[in-house]
Amino acid sequence: MKTHLLRHKQILFFIIAGGLSAVVEIGTFKIFSSMLPKFIANEKDFHGLHYPLSNIFSTSCGIIFNYFLSIYFVFERGKHSKKREFTYFMGVSFISTVISLGMFQIFYSFIFKDNIDLNFYTLSREMMSKISAIVLVSVLNYSVKKKVIFNG
């Protein structure tokens, strides 16, 4: 029973940590995607890639924030040293970033064609694509981080 409760507590904390990390990632994406095109002309469309630097920078901010939340609130220390654990975490996060960037491109290019007006806020194609990519990659992240990195 204790293991069952601990497992659900861990999933809840992972969701909270992921949600906070997503807020950081989405917030920094909004900032980067608004500011970078003013300085880098091709940021909106770089050879068919939409907002590549904004995606990479914002995802990096979310990953670093998530790492600290994960080690302090979500997972217990695994069998790896801190250095190896961090290296694995960053490796998994790099792969997740590539997947997230690909998913963003798919959502932006093929799925979300128009903005969604919510009366109090308008969700842009960029934001809907970013949020959708984060949600899809989150499931993969939890599984891999739990089984491979923090497998104490």
N, C-alpha and C. Protein backbone atom coordinates (compact mmCIF):
# COMPACT_ATOMS: atom_id res chain seq x y z
N MET A 1 0.83 -1.20 0.00
CA MET A 1 0.00 0.00 0.00
C MET A 1 0.87 1.26 0.00
N LYS A 2 1.94 1.24 0.81
CA LYS A 2 2.84 2.39 0.89
C LYS A 2 3.49 2.66 -0.48
N THR A 3 3.89 1.60 -1.17
CA THR A 3 4.48 1.73 -2.49
C THR A 3 3.48 2.33 -3.47
N HIS A 4 2.24 1.88 -3.38
CA HIS A 4 1.18 2.40 -4.25
C HIS A 4 0.96 3.89 -4.02
N LEU A 5 0.90 4.30 -2.75
CA LEU A 5 0.72 5.73 -2.43
C LEU A 5 1.93 6.55 -2.86
N LEU A 6 3.12 6.01 -2.64
CA LEU A 6 4.34 6.70 -3.04
C LEU A 6 4.38 6.88 -4.55
N ARG A 7 3.95 5.87 -5.28
CA ARG A 7 3.93 5.94 -6.75
C ARG A 7 3.00 7.06 -7.22
N HIS A 8 1.80 7.13 -6.62
CA HIS A 8 0.87 8.18 -7.02
C HIS A 8 1.35 9.56 -6.59
N LYS A 9 1.99 9.64 -5.44
CA LYS A 9 2.57 10.90 -4.98
C LYS A 9 3.65 11.37 -5.96
N GLN A 10 4.46 10.43 -6.40
CA GLN A 10 5.53 10.75 -7.34
C GLN A 10 4.95 11.24 -8.67
N ILE A 11 3.91 10.58 -9.15
CA ILE A 11 3.28 11.01 -10.40
C ILE A 11 2.67 12.40 -10.23
N LEU A 12 2.03 12.64 -9.09
CA LEU A 12 1.46 13.97 -8.83
C LEU A 12 2.55 15.03 -8.80
N PHE A 13 3.65 14.76 -8.10
CA PHE A 13 4.75 15.71 -8.05
C PHE A 13 5.39 15.90 -9.44
N PHE A 14 5.45 14.82 -10.22
CA PHE A 14 5.98 14.94 -11.57
C PHE A 14 5.09 15.84 -12.42
N ILE A 15 3.79 15.69 -12.26
CA ILE A 15 2.84 16.54 -13.01
C ILE A 15 2.99 17.99 -12.58
N ILE A 16 3.10 18.23 -11.27
CA ILE A 16 3.28 19.60 -10.79
C ILE A 16 4.60 20.18 -11.29
N ALA A 17 5.69 19.42 -11.15
CA ALA A 17 6.99 19.88 -11.62
C ALA A 17 6.97 20.10 -13.13
N GLY A 18 6.33 19.18 -13.84
CA GLY A 18 6.22 19.33 -15.29
C GLY A 18 5.39 20.54 -15.67
N GLY A 19 4.31 20.77 -14.92
CA GLY A 19 3.47 21.94 -15.19
C GLY A 19 4.23 23.24 -14.96
N LEU A 20 4.98 23.30 -13.85
CA LEU A 20 5.78 24.50 -13.58
C LEU A 20 6.88 24.68 -14.64
N SER A 21 7.49 23.57 -15.03
CA SER A 21 8.52 23.64 -16.07
C SER A 21 7.92 24.06 -17.40
N ALA A 22 6.70 23.58 -17.68
CA ALA A 22 6.01 23.98 -18.91
C ALA A 22 5.70 25.47 -18.89
N VAL A 23 5.32 26.00 -17.72
CA VAL A 23 5.08 27.44 -17.62
C VAL A 23 6.36 28.21 -17.93
N VAL A 24 7.48 27.74 -17.39
CA VAL A 24 8.76 28.38 -17.68
C VAL A 24 9.06 28.28 -19.18
N GLU A 25 8.88 27.09 -19.74
CA GLU A 25 9.19 26.88 -21.16
C GLU A 25 8.28 27.70 -22.07
N ILE A 26 6.99 27.70 -21.78
CA ILE A 26 6.04 28.46 -22.61
C ILE A 26 6.27 29.95 -22.46
N GLY A 27 6.51 30.38 -21.22
CA GLY A 27 6.77 31.81 -20.99
C GLY A 27 8.02 32.29 -21.69
N THR A 28 9.09 31.51 -21.59
CA THR A 28 10.31 31.92 -22.27
C THR A 28 10.16 31.79 -23.79
N PHE A 29 9.36 30.82 -24.25
CA PHE A 29 9.10 30.72 -25.69
C PHE A 29 8.38 31.97 -26.18
N LYS A 30 7.41 32.42 -25.41
CA LYS A 30 6.67 33.63 -25.79
C LYS A 30 7.63 34.82 -25.89
N ILE A 31 8.52 34.94 -24.93
CA ILE A 31 9.49 36.03 -24.94
C ILE A 31 10.44 35.90 -26.13
N PHE A 32 11.03 34.71 -26.28
CA PHE A 32 11.98 34.51 -27.38
C PHE A 32 11.32 34.66 -28.75
N SER A 33 10.13 34.08 -28.92
CA SER A 33 9.48 34.15 -30.24
C SER A 33 8.99 35.56 -30.56
N SER A 34 8.84 36.40 -29.55
CA SER A 34 8.48 37.80 -29.80
C SER A 34 9.70 38.66 -30.05
N MET A 35 10.81 38.35 -29.35
CA MET A 35 12.00 39.20 -29.42
C MET A 35 13.00 38.79 -30.51
N LEU A 36 13.26 37.51 -30.64
CA LEU A 36 14.30 37.07 -31.58
C LEU A 36 14.03 37.46 -33.04
N PRO A 37 12.79 37.38 -33.53
CA PRO A 37 12.57 37.79 -34.92
C PRO A 37 12.94 39.26 -35.21
N LYS A 38 12.99 40.07 -34.17
CA LYS A 38 13.40 41.47 -34.35
C LYS A 38 14.89 41.57 -34.66
N PHE A 39 15.66 40.59 -34.17
CA PHE A 39 17.11 40.61 -34.35
C PHE A 39 17.60 39.60 -35.38
N ILE A 40 16.84 38.52 -35.56
CA ILE A 40 17.22 37.46 -36.49
C ILE A 40 16.07 37.29 -37.48
N ALA A 41 16.29 37.74 -38.68
CA ALA A 41 15.23 37.79 -39.69
C ALA A 41 14.62 36.42 -40.00
N ASN A 42 15.43 35.38 -39.99
CA ASN A 42 14.95 34.05 -40.38
C ASN A 42 14.35 33.25 -39.24
N GLU A 43 14.20 33.82 -38.07
CA GLU A 43 13.71 33.06 -36.92
C GLU A 43 12.29 32.52 -37.14
N LYS A 44 11.44 33.28 -37.78
CA LYS A 44 10.06 32.81 -38.01
C LYS A 44 10.01 31.64 -38.98
N ASP A 45 10.92 31.63 -39.94
CA ASP A 45 10.94 30.55 -40.93
C ASP A 45 12.36 30.39 -41.43
N PHE A 46 13.09 29.45 -40.85
CA PHE A 46 14.47 29.19 -41.24
C PHE A 46 14.49 27.90 -42.06
N HIS A 47 14.41 28.05 -43.37
CA HIS A 47 14.40 26.92 -44.29
C HIS A 47 13.31 25.90 -43.92
N GLY A 48 12.14 26.39 -43.61
CA GLY A 48 11.02 25.52 -43.27
C GLY A 48 10.88 25.21 -41.80
N LEU A 49 11.88 25.55 -41.00
CA LEU A 49 11.78 25.37 -39.54
C LEU A 49 11.26 26.67 -38.94
N HIS A 50 10.19 26.58 -38.19
CA HIS A 50 9.57 27.75 -37.61
C HIS A 50 10.03 27.94 -36.17
N TYR A 51 10.58 29.11 -35.88
CA TYR A 51 11.06 29.48 -34.54
C TYR A 51 12.05 28.48 -33.95
N PRO A 52 13.10 28.10 -34.68
CA PRO A 52 14.01 27.08 -34.15
C PRO A 52 14.78 27.53 -32.90
N LEU A 53 15.32 28.74 -32.92
CA LEU A 53 16.08 29.20 -31.75
C LEU A 53 15.18 29.44 -30.55
N SER A 54 14.01 29.99 -30.78
CA SER A 54 13.06 30.19 -29.69
C SER A 54 12.71 28.87 -29.03
N ASN A 55 12.52 27.84 -29.84
CA ASN A 55 12.22 26.51 -29.32
C ASN A 55 13.39 25.94 -28.52
N ILE A 56 14.56 26.03 -29.07
CA ILE A 56 15.74 25.46 -28.40
C ILE A 56 16.03 26.19 -27.09
N PHE A 57 16.02 27.52 -27.11
CA PHE A 57 16.32 28.29 -25.90
C PHE A 57 15.25 28.08 -24.83
N SER A 58 13.98 28.10 -25.22
CA SER A 58 12.92 27.95 -24.22
C SER A 58 12.89 26.53 -23.67
N THR A 59 13.13 25.54 -24.51
CA THR A 59 13.17 24.16 -24.05
C THR A 59 14.34 23.96 -23.08
N SER A 60 15.46 24.58 -23.37
CA SER A 60 16.62 24.49 -22.46
C SER A 60 16.30 25.09 -21.09
N CYS A 61 15.62 26.21 -21.07
CA CYS A 61 15.21 26.82 -19.79
C CYS A 61 14.28 25.89 -19.03
N GLY A 62 13.32 25.29 -19.73
CA GLY A 62 12.40 24.36 -19.09
C GLY A 62 13.10 23.12 -18.57
N ILE A 63 14.08 22.61 -19.31
CA ILE A 63 14.81 21.41 -18.92
C ILE A 63 15.63 21.66 -17.65
N ILE A 64 16.34 22.75 -17.61
CA ILE A 64 17.16 23.05 -16.44
C ILE A 64 16.28 23.25 -15.20
N PHE A 65 15.19 23.97 -15.36
CA PHE A 65 14.24 24.17 -14.26
C PHE A 65 13.68 22.82 -13.81
N ASN A 66 13.32 21.96 -14.76
CA ASN A 66 12.76 20.66 -14.45
C ASN A 66 13.77 19.75 -13.75
N TYR A 67 15.03 19.85 -14.12
CA TYR A 67 16.06 19.03 -13.48
C TYR A 67 16.09 19.30 -11.98
N PHE A 68 16.12 20.56 -11.62
CA PHE A 68 16.18 20.89 -10.20
C PHE A 68 14.91 20.49 -9.45
N LEU A 69 13.77 20.68 -10.07
CA LEU A 69 12.53 20.22 -9.44
C LEU A 69 12.52 18.70 -9.30
N SER A 70 13.01 18.01 -10.32
CA SER A 70 13.02 16.54 -10.30
C SER A 70 13.90 15.99 -9.18
N ILE A 71 15.08 16.56 -9.02
CA ILE A 71 15.98 16.00 -8.00
C ILE A 71 15.57 16.40 -6.59
N TYR A 72 14.87 17.51 -6.44
CA TYR A 72 14.48 17.94 -5.09
C TYR A 72 13.09 17.50 -4.67
N PHE A 73 12.17 17.31 -5.61
CA PHE A 73 10.78 17.05 -5.23
C PHE A 73 10.16 15.78 -5.80
N VAL A 74 10.65 15.29 -6.92
CA VAL A 74 9.94 14.21 -7.60
C VAL A 74 10.59 12.85 -7.36
N PHE A 75 11.83 12.71 -7.74
CA PHE A 75 12.47 11.40 -7.70
C PHE A 75 13.46 11.30 -6.53
N GLU A 76 13.63 10.08 -6.07
CA GLU A 76 14.67 9.82 -5.09
C GLU A 76 15.96 9.55 -5.85
N ARG A 77 17.05 9.71 -5.16
CA ARG A 77 18.34 9.46 -5.79
C ARG A 77 18.38 8.04 -6.33
N GLY A 78 18.94 7.91 -7.52
CA GLY A 78 19.10 6.60 -8.12
C GLY A 78 20.43 5.99 -7.76
N LYS A 79 20.81 4.98 -8.49
CA LYS A 79 22.06 4.30 -8.20
C LYS A 79 23.26 5.00 -8.84
N HIS A 80 23.00 6.03 -9.63
CA HIS A 80 24.07 6.73 -10.34
C HIS A 80 24.65 7.86 -9.49
N SER A 81 25.90 8.23 -9.79
CA SER A 81 26.49 9.40 -9.14
C SER A 81 25.77 10.65 -9.65
N LYS A 82 25.93 11.75 -8.95
CA LYS A 82 25.28 13.00 -9.37
C LYS A 82 25.72 13.41 -10.76
N LYS A 83 27.00 13.25 -11.05
CA LYS A 83 27.53 13.62 -12.36
C LYS A 83 26.92 12.76 -13.47
N ARG A 84 26.87 11.46 -13.25
CA ARG A 84 26.30 10.55 -14.25
C ARG A 84 24.79 10.78 -14.39
N GLU A 85 24.13 11.00 -13.26
CA GLU A 85 22.69 11.27 -13.27
C GLU A 85 22.39 12.52 -14.09
N PHE A 86 23.18 13.57 -13.86
CA PHE A 86 23.01 14.82 -14.61
C PHE A 86 23.27 14.59 -16.09
N THR A 87 24.31 13.83 -16.41
CA THR A 87 24.64 13.53 -17.81
C THR A 87 23.51 12.77 -18.48
N TYR A 88 22.98 11.75 -17.82
CA TYR A 88 21.84 11.00 -18.36
C TYR A 88 20.62 11.91 -18.54
N PHE A 89 20.37 12.73 -17.53
CA PHE A 89 19.22 13.64 -17.58
C PHE A 89 19.34 14.55 -18.80
N MET A 90 20.53 15.11 -19.00
CA MET A 90 20.73 16.02 -20.14
C MET A 90 20.67 15.26 -21.46
N GLY A 91 21.16 14.03 -21.50
CA GLY A 91 21.07 13.23 -22.72
C GLY A 91 19.62 12.94 -23.10
N VAL A 92 18.85 12.51 -22.11
CA VAL A 92 17.42 12.26 -22.36
C VAL A 92 16.73 13.56 -22.76
N SER A 93 17.10 14.64 -22.10
CA SER A 93 16.50 15.94 -22.41
C SER A 93 16.86 16.41 -23.81
N PHE A 94 18.08 16.13 -24.26
CA PHE A 94 18.48 16.49 -25.62
C PHE A 94 17.62 15.75 -26.64
N ILE A 95 17.45 14.45 -26.42
CA ILE A 95 16.61 13.66 -27.32
C ILE A 95 15.17 14.18 -27.28
N SER A 96 14.69 14.48 -26.09
CA SER A 96 13.34 15.05 -25.94
C SER A 96 13.21 16.37 -26.67
N THR A 97 14.26 17.17 -26.63
CA THR A 97 14.25 18.46 -27.33
C THR A 97 14.12 18.27 -28.83
N VAL A 98 14.85 17.31 -29.36
CA VAL A 98 14.78 17.03 -30.80
C VAL A 98 13.36 16.55 -31.17
N ILE A 99 12.82 15.67 -30.35
CA ILE A 99 11.45 15.18 -30.59
C ILE A 99 10.46 16.32 -30.48
N SER A 100 10.62 17.14 -29.45
CA SER A 100 9.72 18.28 -29.23
C SER A 100 9.78 19.26 -30.40
N LEU A 101 10.99 19.53 -30.88
CA LEU A 101 11.15 20.43 -32.02
C LEU A 101 10.45 19.86 -33.25
N GLY A 102 10.62 18.56 -33.47
CA GLY A 102 9.94 17.91 -34.60
C GLY A 102 8.43 17.96 -34.46
N MET A 103 7.94 17.68 -33.25
CA MET A 103 6.49 17.72 -33.02
C MET A 103 5.96 19.14 -33.20
N PHE A 104 6.72 20.13 -32.73
CA PHE A 104 6.31 21.52 -32.92
C PHE A 104 6.15 21.83 -34.41
N GLN A 105 7.11 21.40 -35.21
CA GLN A 105 7.06 21.66 -36.65
C GLN A 105 5.84 21.01 -37.29
N ILE A 106 5.54 19.79 -36.86
CA ILE A 106 4.37 19.08 -37.40
C ILE A 106 3.09 19.80 -37.01
N PHE A 107 2.96 20.14 -35.74
CA PHE A 107 1.76 20.85 -35.28
C PHE A 107 1.63 22.20 -35.98
N TYR A 108 2.72 22.94 -36.06
CA TYR A 108 2.69 24.29 -36.64
C TYR A 108 2.38 24.23 -38.15
N SER A 109 2.97 23.28 -38.83
CA SER A 109 2.83 23.23 -40.30
C SER A 109 1.54 22.55 -40.77
N PHE A 110 1.07 21.55 -40.02
CA PHE A 110 -0.03 20.74 -40.53
C PHE A 110 -1.31 20.73 -39.68
N ILE A 111 -1.20 20.94 -38.39
CA ILE A 111 -2.36 20.78 -37.51
C ILE A 111 -3.04 22.12 -37.22
N PHE A 112 -2.29 23.05 -36.68
CA PHE A 112 -2.87 24.33 -36.27
C PHE A 112 -2.69 25.35 -37.39
N LYS A 113 -3.78 25.66 -38.05
CA LYS A 113 -3.73 26.60 -39.17
C LYS A 113 -4.18 28.00 -38.78
N ASP A 114 -4.98 28.12 -37.73
CA ASP A 114 -5.51 29.41 -37.31
C ASP A 114 -5.32 29.59 -35.81
N ASN A 115 -5.37 30.84 -35.37
CA ASN A 115 -5.35 31.14 -33.95
C ASN A 115 -6.70 30.77 -33.35
N ILE A 116 -6.73 30.54 -32.05
CA ILE A 116 -7.99 30.26 -31.35
C ILE A 116 -8.28 31.42 -30.41
N ASP A 117 -9.41 32.07 -30.64
CA ASP A 117 -9.82 33.20 -29.80
C ASP A 117 -10.66 32.68 -28.64
N LEU A 118 -10.16 32.90 -27.42
CA LEU A 118 -10.86 32.45 -26.21
C LEU A 118 -11.62 33.61 -25.55
N ASN A 119 -11.82 34.69 -26.26
CA ASN A 119 -12.46 35.93 -25.80
C ASN A 119 -11.57 36.74 -24.86
N PHE A 120 -10.90 36.09 -23.91
CA PHE A 120 -10.03 36.80 -22.98
C PHE A 120 -8.56 36.69 -23.38
N TYR A 121 -8.27 35.76 -24.28
CA TYR A 121 -6.90 35.55 -24.76
C TYR A 121 -6.97 34.81 -26.08
N THR A 122 -6.05 35.12 -26.97
CA THR A 122 -5.97 34.43 -28.25
C THR A 122 -4.75 33.52 -28.24
N LEU A 123 -4.99 32.23 -28.44
CA LEU A 123 -3.90 31.27 -28.56
C LEU A 123 -3.40 31.27 -30.00
N SER A 124 -2.14 31.61 -30.16
CA SER A 124 -1.55 31.64 -31.50
C SER A 124 -1.18 30.22 -31.92
N ARG A 125 -0.93 30.06 -33.20
CA ARG A 125 -0.47 28.77 -33.73
C ARG A 125 0.80 28.32 -33.03
N GLU A 126 1.68 29.29 -32.79
CA GLU A 126 2.96 28.97 -32.15
C GLU A 126 2.74 28.40 -30.75
N MET A 127 1.89 29.07 -29.98
CA MET A 127 1.65 28.64 -28.60
C MET A 127 0.93 27.29 -28.56
N MET A 128 -0.05 27.10 -29.41
CA MET A 128 -0.77 25.81 -29.44
C MET A 128 0.18 24.69 -29.84
N SER A 129 1.07 24.96 -30.78
CA SER A 129 2.03 23.95 -31.22
C SER A 129 3.02 23.62 -30.10
N LYS A 130 3.48 24.65 -29.41
CA LYS A 130 4.44 24.46 -28.32
C LYS A 130 3.80 23.66 -27.17
N ILE A 131 2.60 24.03 -26.77
CA ILE A 131 1.91 23.33 -25.69
C ILE A 131 1.66 21.88 -26.06
N SER A 132 1.22 21.62 -27.27
CA SER A 132 0.96 20.25 -27.72
C SER A 132 2.23 19.41 -27.72
N ALA A 133 3.32 19.98 -28.18
CA ALA A 133 4.60 19.25 -28.20
C ALA A 133 5.05 18.93 -26.78
N ILE A 134 4.88 19.87 -25.86
CA ILE A 134 5.26 19.64 -24.46
C ILE A 134 4.46 18.48 -23.87
N VAL A 135 3.17 18.48 -24.09
CA VAL A 135 2.32 17.43 -23.53
C VAL A 135 2.74 16.05 -24.04
N LEU A 136 2.98 15.94 -25.33
CA LEU A 136 3.37 14.64 -25.90
C LEU A 136 4.72 14.15 -25.36
N VAL A 137 5.68 15.04 -25.26
CA VAL A 137 7.01 14.65 -24.82
C VAL A 137 7.05 14.36 -23.31
N SER A 138 6.14 14.94 -22.55
CA SER A 138 6.10 14.74 -21.10
C SER A 138 5.93 13.27 -20.71
N VAL A 139 5.07 12.57 -21.41
CA VAL A 139 4.82 11.17 -21.11
C VAL A 139 6.10 10.35 -21.30
N LEU A 140 6.77 10.59 -22.40
CA LEU A 140 8.04 9.91 -22.67
C LEU A 140 9.07 10.25 -21.59
N ASN A 141 9.15 11.52 -21.22
CA ASN A 141 10.12 11.96 -20.22
C ASN A 141 9.94 11.26 -18.88
N TYR A 142 8.71 11.17 -18.41
CA TYR A 142 8.48 10.54 -17.11
C TYR A 142 8.95 9.09 -17.14
N SER A 143 8.55 8.38 -18.15
CA SER A 143 8.90 6.96 -18.24
C SER A 143 10.40 6.75 -18.26
N VAL A 144 11.09 7.49 -19.10
CA VAL A 144 12.53 7.29 -19.24
C VAL A 144 13.26 7.76 -17.99
N LYS A 145 12.87 8.89 -17.45
CA LYS A 145 13.56 9.40 -16.25
C LYS A 145 13.37 8.46 -15.07
N LYS A 146 12.17 7.93 -14.92
CA LYS A 146 11.91 7.03 -13.80
C LYS A 146 12.66 5.72 -13.96
N LYS A 147 12.65 5.14 -15.14
CA LYS A 147 13.22 3.81 -15.35
C LYS A 147 14.75 3.83 -15.51
N VAL A 148 15.27 4.86 -16.17
CA VAL A 148 16.69 4.87 -16.52
C VAL A 148 17.52 5.72 -15.57
N ILE A 149 17.07 6.92 -15.29
CA ILE A 149 17.91 7.86 -14.54
C ILE A 149 17.75 7.70 -13.04
N PHE A 150 16.52 7.76 -12.56
CA PHE A 150 16.28 7.70 -11.11
C PHE A 150 15.73 6.34 -10.73
N ASN A 151 16.48 5.30 -11.03
CA ASN A 151 16.00 3.93 -10.85
C ASN A 151 16.54 3.29 -9.58
N GLY A 152 16.57 4.05 -8.51
CA GLY A 152 17.11 3.53 -7.25
C GLY A 152 16.32 2.46 -6.74
